[in-house]
Amino acid sequence: MKSFFNTLSYIFHPILLPVLGLYFLFETPTNSPGYIVTSLYNLPLEFKINLYKLFGFLTILAPGISIWIMYQNKIISSIKLENRLERFTPKGITAVYYVMNYVLLRIMIPEHMIISFIFPYAFGLVLIVIAAFIMNYFTKISLHMLGFFGVIGTIMGYFQNQLDYNLFFLIFLIIVGGLIGSARIYLKAHTLKEVVLGIIIGFGIGFVCMKFELYI
């Protein structure tokens, strides 16, 4: 059981979730209401690839390398960030990368191009990592839950703006999220309170940003 939960925690590591969420948005078929096509599934492949590259570099590669450098220089004692007090610097640096990702996204996509939900998704990611930084003053909130249920909230908010969508896929994600939360508790990485806080905050931010298409 321990090896299964460890594997699950690595597969759905928080650093991978922004790109995973983007993949779900791009590759889940939906139908748009009205005459304006808002389904991200219908975007050109070249556009999707460019966004995968941007998100991959600034939400996976850059934070990952930065955390590894901090570990090598003994700024943090573990790349798992098990010590709450050691999480501030990695989270702060990650927040900077997420802001850069959002700013570059705004530059890549001109205002006159109507591409719904991309900006709210990237903006929601920024808010989630800022929330993680702030909450770290009070508790060692589960980053796995923040990230994964941020994805679930994002997908649910997105589906609320589409006519046809795969409800079973959403249910599957919730089940997987429950397993990940159980894994974090079983492995004694987090308490139930830390897991639940991650679920509530991650889901809330992701859902609100996508449902109401919030961004600045």
C-alpha atoms as a PDB file:
ATOM      1  CA  MET A   1       0.000   0.000   0.000  1.00  0.00           C
ATOM      2  CA  LYS A   2       2.827   2.386   0.875  1.00  0.00           C
ATOM      3  CA  SER A   3       4.518   1.902  -2.515  1.00  0.00           C
ATOM      4  CA  PHE A   4       1.181   2.535  -4.285  1.00  0.00           C
ATOM      5  CA  PHE A   5       0.580   5.777  -2.393  1.00  0.00           C
ATOM      6  CA  ASN A   6       4.178   6.893  -2.967  1.00  0.00           C
ATOM      7  CA  THR A   7       3.803   6.239  -6.701  1.00  0.00           C
ATOM      8  CA  LEU A   8       0.511   8.130  -6.770  1.00  0.00           C
ATOM      9  CA  SER A   9       2.118  11.101  -5.013  1.00  0.00           C
ATOM     10  CA  TYR A  10       4.949  11.201  -7.560  1.00  0.00           C
ATOM     11  CA  ILE A  11       2.689  10.814 -10.603  1.00  0.00           C
ATOM     12  CA  PHE A  12       0.510  13.706  -9.463  1.00  0.00           C
ATOM     13  CA  HIS A  13       3.308  15.822  -8.050  1.00  0.00           C
ATOM     14  CA  PRO A  14       2.256  19.492  -7.648  1.00  0.00           C
ATOM     15  CA  ILE A  15       4.947  20.685 -10.052  1.00  0.00           C
ATOM     16  CA  LEU A  16       3.350  18.681 -12.891  1.00  0.00           C
ATOM     17  CA  LEU A  17      -0.254  19.731 -12.308  1.00  0.00           C
ATOM     18  CA  PRO A  18      -0.393  23.056 -14.225  1.00  0.00           C
ATOM     19  CA  VAL A  19       0.567  21.299 -17.470  1.00  0.00           C
ATOM     20  CA  LEU A  20      -1.664  18.336 -16.645  1.00  0.00           C
ATOM     21  CA  GLY A  21      -4.585  20.715 -16.111  1.00  0.00           C
ATOM     22  CA  LEU A  22      -3.839  22.442 -19.401  1.00  0.00           C
ATOM     23  CA  TYR A  23      -3.798  19.058 -21.128  1.00  0.00           C
ATOM     24  CA  PHE A  24      -7.203  18.170 -19.665  1.00  0.00           C
ATOM     25  CA  LEU A  25      -8.645  21.476 -20.867  1.00  0.00           C
ATOM     26  CA  PHE A  26      -7.221  21.066 -24.363  1.00  0.00           C
ATOM     27  CA  GLU A  27      -7.999  17.390 -24.889  1.00  0.00           C
ATOM     28  CA  THR A  28     -11.419  16.993 -23.276  1.00  0.00           C
ATOM     29  CA  PRO A  29     -14.119  17.349 -25.967  1.00  0.00           C
ATOM     30  CA  THR A  30     -16.859  19.885 -25.174  1.00  0.00           C
ATOM     31  CA  ASN A  31     -19.465  21.841 -27.136  1.00  0.00           C
ATOM     32  CA  SER A  32     -19.751  25.609 -26.772  1.00  0.00           C
ATOM     33  CA  PRO A  33     -23.049  27.412 -26.218  1.00  0.00           C
ATOM     34  CA  GLY A  34     -24.037  30.164 -28.677  1.00  0.00           C
ATOM     35  CA  TYR A  35     -22.271  31.180 -31.864  1.00  0.00           C
ATOM     36  CA  ILE A  36     -18.845  31.922 -30.364  1.00  0.00           C
ATOM     37  CA  VAL A  37     -16.658  28.827 -30.061  1.00  0.00           C
ATOM     38  CA  THR A  38     -15.229  28.730 -26.528  1.00  0.00           C
ATOM     39  CA  SER A  39     -14.277  25.045 -26.428  1.00  0.00           C
ATOM     40  CA  LEU A  40     -10.516  24.783 -25.910  1.00  0.00           C
ATOM     41  CA  TYR A  41     -10.642  21.371 -27.562  1.00  0.00           C
ATOM     42  CA  ASN A  42     -11.049  23.082 -30.948  1.00  0.00           C
ATOM     43  CA  LEU A  43      -7.945  25.263 -30.714  1.00  0.00           C
ATOM     44  CA  PRO A  44      -5.246  24.716 -33.386  1.00  0.00           C
ATOM     45  CA  LEU A  45      -2.615  22.121 -32.488  1.00  0.00           C
ATOM     46  CA  GLU A  46       0.254  24.563 -33.075  1.00  0.00           C
ATOM     47  CA  PHE A  47      -1.265  26.994 -30.564  1.00  0.00           C
ATOM     48  CA  LYS A  48      -1.662  24.222 -27.989  1.00  0.00           C
ATOM     49  CA  ILE A  49       1.957  23.123 -28.457  1.00  0.00           C
ATOM     50  CA  ASN A  50       3.220  26.678 -27.933  1.00  0.00           C
ATOM     51  CA  LEU A  51       1.304  26.903 -24.672  1.00  0.00           C
ATOM     52  CA  TYR A  52       2.575  23.495 -23.551  1.00  0.00           C
ATOM     53  CA  LYS A  53       6.117  24.780 -24.117  1.00  0.00           C
ATOM     54  CA  LEU A  54       5.504  27.988 -22.160  1.00  0.00           C
ATOM     55  CA  PHE A  55       3.786  26.276 -19.242  1.00  0.00           C
ATOM     56  CA  GLY A  56       6.281  23.409 -19.297  1.00  0.00           C
ATOM     57  CA  PHE A  57       9.249  25.740 -18.989  1.00  0.00           C
ATOM     58  CA  LEU A  58       7.873  28.189 -16.416  1.00  0.00           C
ATOM     59  CA  THR A  59       5.779  25.870 -14.233  1.00  0.00           C
ATOM     60  CA  ILE A  60       7.853  22.671 -14.362  1.00  0.00           C
ATOM     61  CA  LEU A  61      11.411  23.113 -15.594  1.00  0.00           C
ATOM     62  CA  ALA A  62      12.307  26.491 -14.061  1.00  0.00           C
ATOM     63  CA  PRO A  63      10.818  25.797 -10.599  1.00  0.00           C
ATOM     64  CA  GLY A  64      12.258  22.270 -10.617  1.00  0.00           C
ATOM     65  CA  ILE A  65      15.779  23.473 -11.422  1.00  0.00           C
ATOM     66  CA  SER A  66      15.503  26.270  -8.851  1.00  0.00           C
ATOM     67  CA  ILE A  67      14.463  23.850  -6.111  1.00  0.00           C
ATOM     68  CA  TRP A  68      17.306  21.502  -7.060  1.00  0.00           C
ATOM     69  CA  ILE A  69      19.825  24.369  -6.861  1.00  0.00           C
ATOM     70  CA  MET A  70      18.458  25.352  -3.437  1.00  0.00           C
ATOM     71  CA  TYR A  71      18.839  21.760  -2.293  1.00  0.00           C
ATOM     72  CA  GLN A  72      22.408  21.535  -3.600  1.00  0.00           C
ATOM     73  CA  ASN A  73      23.281  24.770  -1.783  1.00  0.00           C
ATOM     74  CA  LYS A  74      21.662  23.508   1.435  1.00  0.00           C
ATOM     75  CA  ILE A  75      19.032  26.268   1.437  1.00  0.00           C
ATOM     76  CA  ILE A  76      16.478  23.489   1.828  1.00  0.00           C
ATOM     77  CA  SER A  77      17.126  20.114   3.442  1.00  0.00           C
ATOM     78  CA  SER A  78      14.911  18.086   1.094  1.00  0.00           C
ATOM     79  CA  ILE A  79      13.483  18.517  -2.385  1.00  0.00           C
ATOM     80  CA  LYS A  80      10.211  17.183  -0.933  1.00  0.00           C
ATOM     81  CA  LEU A  81       9.944  20.414   1.097  1.00  0.00           C
ATOM     82  CA  GLU A  82       8.895  18.549   4.218  1.00  0.00           C
ATOM     83  CA  ASN A  83       9.923  21.392   6.538  1.00  0.00           C
ATOM     84  CA  ARG A  84       7.233  24.105   6.587  1.00  0.00           C
ATOM     85  CA  LEU A  85       9.683  26.927   7.293  1.00  0.00           C
ATOM     86  CA  GLU A  86      11.860  25.890   4.340  1.00  0.00           C
ATOM     87  CA  ARG A  87       8.904  26.196   1.964  1.00  0.00           C
ATOM     88  CA  PHE A  88       8.823  30.004   1.845  1.00  0.00           C
ATOM     89  CA  THR A  89      11.709  30.545  -0.567  1.00  0.00           C
ATOM     90  CA  PRO A  90      10.718  27.802  -3.056  1.00  0.00           C
ATOM     91  CA  LYS A  91       7.100  28.967  -3.016  1.00  0.00           C
ATOM     92  CA  GLY A  92       8.121  32.589  -3.462  1.00  0.00           C
ATOM     93  CA  ILE A  93      10.328  31.750  -6.431  1.00  0.00           C
ATOM     94  CA  THR A  94       7.623  29.535  -7.921  1.00  0.00           C
ATOM     95  CA  ALA A  95       5.138  32.389  -7.587  1.00  0.00           C
ATOM     96  CA  VAL A  96       7.489  34.607  -9.597  1.00  0.00           C
ATOM     97  CA  TYR A  97       7.670  31.996 -12.362  1.00  0.00           C
ATOM     98  CA  TYR A  98       3.876  31.677 -12.415  1.00  0.00           C
ATOM     99  CA  VAL A  99       3.501  35.461 -12.715  1.00  0.00           C
ATOM    100  CA  MET A 100       6.034  35.438 -15.567  1.00  0.00           C
ATOM    101  CA  ASN A 101       4.030  32.665 -17.224  1.00  0.00           C
ATOM    102  CA  TYR A 102       0.861  34.751 -16.983  1.00  0.00           C
ATOM    103  CA  VAL A 103       2.513  37.927 -18.272  1.00  0.00           C
ATOM    104  CA  LEU A 104       4.114  36.145 -21.231  1.00  0.00           C
ATOM    105  CA  LEU A 105       0.779  34.510 -21.990  1.00  0.00           C
ATOM    106  CA  ARG A 106      -0.861  37.929 -22.147  1.00  0.00           C
ATOM    107  CA  ILE A 107       1.876  39.046 -24.543  1.00  0.00           C
ATOM    108  CA  MET A 108       1.543  35.924 -26.710  1.00  0.00           C
ATOM    109  CA  ILE A 109      -2.229  36.272 -27.087  1.00  0.00           C
ATOM    110  CA  PRO A 110      -3.312  39.729 -28.323  1.00  0.00           C
ATOM    111  CA  GLU A 111      -6.419  41.312 -26.804  1.00  0.00           C
ATOM    112  CA  HIS A 112      -8.348  41.115 -30.071  1.00  0.00           C
ATOM    113  CA  MET A 113      -8.042  37.311 -30.149  1.00  0.00           C
ATOM    114  CA  ILE A 114     -11.059  35.752 -28.467  1.00  0.00           C
ATOM    115  CA  ILE A 115      -9.676  32.690 -26.683  1.00  0.00           C
ATOM    116  CA  SER A 116     -11.800  32.077 -23.610  1.00  0.00           C
ATOM    117  CA  PHE A 117     -10.596  30.482 -20.390  1.00  0.00           C
ATOM    118  CA  ILE A 118      -6.823  30.540 -21.061  1.00  0.00           C
ATOM    119  CA  PHE A 119      -6.220  33.737 -19.090  1.00  0.00           C
ATOM    120  CA  PRO A 120      -8.501  32.701 -16.183  1.00  0.00           C
ATOM    121  CA  TYR A 121      -6.677  29.373 -15.955  1.00  0.00           C
ATOM    122  CA  ALA A 122      -3.219  30.949 -15.799  1.00  0.00           C
ATOM    123  CA  PHE A 123      -4.452  33.642 -13.396  1.00  0.00           C
ATOM    124  CA  GLY A 124      -5.980  30.976 -11.153  1.00  0.00           C
ATOM    125  CA  LEU A 125      -2.595  29.227 -11.002  1.00  0.00           C
ATOM    126  CA  VAL A 126      -0.988  32.462  -9.816  1.00  0.00           C
ATOM    127  CA  LEU A 127      -3.622  32.862  -7.090  1.00  0.00           C
ATOM    128  CA  ILE A 128      -3.194  29.246  -5.958  1.00  0.00           C
ATOM    129  CA  VAL A 129       0.573  29.539  -5.533  1.00  0.00           C
ATOM    130  CA  ILE A 130       0.158  32.870  -3.715  1.00  0.00           C
ATOM    131  CA  ALA A 131      -2.418  31.222  -1.449  1.00  0.00           C
ATOM    132  CA  ALA A 132       0.083  28.421  -0.776  1.00  0.00           C
ATOM    133  CA  PHE A 133       2.707  30.999   0.210  1.00  0.00           C
ATOM    134  CA  ILE A 134       0.332  32.854   2.554  1.00  0.00           C
ATOM    135  CA  MET A 135      -1.071  29.711   4.150  1.00  0.00           C
ATOM    136  CA  ASN A 136       2.461  28.527   4.872  1.00  0.00           C
ATOM    137  CA  TYR A 137       2.594  31.135   7.670  1.00  0.00           C
ATOM    138  CA  PHE A 138      -0.129  29.209   9.476  1.00  0.00           C
ATOM    139  CA  THR A 139       0.092  25.558   8.440  1.00  0.00           C
ATOM    140  CA  LYS A 140       1.856  23.131   6.104  1.00  0.00           C
ATOM    141  CA  ILE A 141      -1.016  23.017   3.638  1.00  0.00           C
ATOM    142  CA  SER A 142      -1.011  20.109   1.200  1.00  0.00           C
ATOM    143  CA  LEU A 143       0.392  21.285  -2.125  1.00  0.00           C
ATOM    144  CA  HIS A 144      -0.849  18.074  -3.746  1.00  0.00           C
ATOM    145  CA  MET A 145      -4.426  18.930  -2.749  1.00  0.00           C
ATOM    146  CA  LEU A 146      -4.081  22.603  -3.651  1.00  0.00           C
ATOM    147  CA  GLY A 147      -2.845  21.662  -7.094  1.00  0.00           C
ATOM    148  CA  PHE A 148      -5.022  18.678  -7.914  1.00  0.00           C
ATOM    149  CA  PHE A 149      -8.274  20.097  -6.619  1.00  0.00           C
ATOM    150  CA  GLY A 150      -7.318  23.368  -8.282  1.00  0.00           C
ATOM    151  CA  VAL A 151      -7.372  21.348 -11.508  1.00  0.00           C
ATOM    152  CA  ILE A 152     -10.717  19.771 -10.563  1.00  0.00           C
ATOM    153  CA  GLY A 153     -12.212  23.173  -9.746  1.00  0.00           C
ATOM    154  CA  THR A 154     -10.873  24.516 -13.021  1.00  0.00           C
ATOM    155  CA  ILE A 155     -12.399  21.666 -15.028  1.00  0.00           C
ATOM    156  CA  MET A 156     -15.735  21.972 -13.228  1.00  0.00           C
ATOM    157  CA  GLY A 157     -15.857  25.748 -13.732  1.00  0.00           C
ATOM    158  CA  TYR A 158     -14.975  25.268 -17.389  1.00  0.00           C
ATOM    159  CA  PHE A 159     -17.649  22.602 -17.845  1.00  0.00           C
ATOM    160  CA  GLN A 160     -20.202  25.004 -16.348  1.00  0.00           C
ATOM    161  CA  ASN A 161     -19.636  27.203 -19.398  1.00  0.00           C
ATOM    162  CA  GLN A 162     -20.016  24.383 -21.931  1.00  0.00           C
ATOM    163  CA  LEU A 163     -23.113  22.587 -23.211  1.00  0.00           C
ATOM    164  CA  ASP A 164     -21.797  19.039 -23.536  1.00  0.00           C
ATOM    165  CA  TYR A 165     -19.010  17.609 -21.399  1.00  0.00           C
ATOM    166  CA  ASN A 166     -17.791  14.344 -19.937  1.00  0.00           C
ATOM    167  CA  LEU A 167     -19.274  14.124 -16.441  1.00  0.00           C
ATOM    168  CA  PHE A 168     -17.705  10.701 -15.855  1.00  0.00           C
ATOM    169  CA  PHE A 169     -14.250  12.190 -16.421  1.00  0.00           C
ATOM    170  CA  LEU A 170     -14.939  14.745 -13.699  1.00  0.00           C
ATOM    171  CA  ILE A 171     -16.102  12.013 -11.322  1.00  0.00           C
ATOM    172  CA  PHE A 172     -12.947  10.031 -12.134  1.00  0.00           C
ATOM    173  CA  LEU A 173     -10.785  13.057 -11.243  1.00  0.00           C
ATOM    174  CA  ILE A 174     -12.577  13.470  -7.917  1.00  0.00           C
ATOM    175  CA  ILE A 175     -11.962   9.797  -7.089  1.00  0.00           C
ATOM    176  CA  VAL A 176      -8.276  10.161  -7.983  1.00  0.00           C
ATOM    177  CA  GLY A 177      -8.132  13.320  -5.862  1.00  0.00           C
ATOM    178  CA  GLY A 178      -9.571  11.383  -2.923  1.00  0.00           C
ATOM    179  CA  LEU A 179      -6.900   8.713  -3.360  1.00  0.00           C
ATOM    180  CA  ILE A 180      -4.138  11.331  -3.454  1.00  0.00           C
ATOM    181  CA  GLY A 181      -5.480  12.955  -0.303  1.00  0.00           C
ATOM    182  CA  SER A 182      -5.604   9.552   1.404  1.00  0.00           C
ATOM    183  CA  ALA A 183      -2.034   8.932   0.268  1.00  0.00           C
ATOM    184  CA  ARG A 184      -0.765  12.160   1.832  1.00  0.00           C
ATOM    185  CA  ILE A 185      -2.411  11.248   5.144  1.00  0.00           C
ATOM    186  CA  TYR A 186      -1.319   7.588   5.021  1.00  0.00           C
ATOM    187  CA  LEU A 187       2.285   8.610   4.318  1.00  0.00           C
ATOM    188  CA  LYS A 188       2.086  11.042   7.248  1.00  0.00           C
ATOM    189  CA  ALA A 189       3.053  13.899   4.941  1.00  0.00           C
ATOM    190  CA  HIS A 190       0.008  15.886   6.076  1.00  0.00           C
ATOM    191  CA  THR A 191      -2.788  15.905   8.610  1.00  0.00           C
ATOM    192  CA  LEU A 192      -6.461  15.681   7.640  1.00  0.00           C
ATOM    193  CA  LYS A 193      -6.801  19.423   8.311  1.00  0.00           C
ATOM    194  CA  GLU A 194      -3.948  20.277   5.931  1.00  0.00           C
ATOM    195  CA  VAL A 195      -5.435  18.058   3.234  1.00  0.00           C
ATOM    196  CA  VAL A 196      -8.949  19.504   3.601  1.00  0.00           C
ATOM    197  CA  LEU A 197      -7.619  23.082   3.521  1.00  0.00           C
ATOM    198  CA  GLY A 198      -5.794  22.285   0.300  1.00  0.00           C
ATOM    199  CA  ILE A 199      -8.968  20.850  -1.229  1.00  0.00           C
ATOM    200  CA  ILE A 200     -11.133  23.830  -0.279  1.00  0.00           C
ATOM    201  CA  ILE A 201      -8.713  26.573  -1.313  1.00  0.00           C
ATOM    202  CA  GLY A 202      -7.495  24.890  -4.500  1.00  0.00           C
ATOM    203  CA  PHE A 203     -10.985  23.962  -5.682  1.00  0.00           C
ATOM    204  CA  GLY A 204     -12.435  27.347  -4.741  1.00  0.00           C
ATOM    205  CA  ILE A 205      -9.855  29.382  -6.648  1.00  0.00           C
ATOM    206  CA  GLY A 206      -9.882  27.143  -9.712  1.00  0.00           C
ATOM    207  CA  PHE A 207     -13.668  27.009  -9.914  1.00  0.00           C
ATOM    208  CA  VAL A 208     -14.331  30.723  -9.395  1.00  0.00           C
ATOM    209  CA  CYS A 209     -11.677  31.852 -11.892  1.00  0.00           C
ATOM    210  CA  MET A 210     -12.974  29.567 -14.644  1.00  0.00           C
ATOM    211  CA  LYS A 211     -16.692  29.760 -13.929  1.00  0.00           C
ATOM    212  CA  PHE A 212     -16.701  33.568 -13.972  1.00  0.00           C
ATOM    213  CA  GLU A 213     -13.669  33.961 -16.284  1.00  0.00           C
ATOM    214  CA  LEU A 214     -11.804  36.102 -13.755  1.00  0.00           C
ATOM    215  CA  TYR A 215      -8.401  37.557 -14.549  1.00  0.00           C
ATOM    216  CA  ILE A 216      -6.624  40.905 -14.605  1.00  0.00           C
END
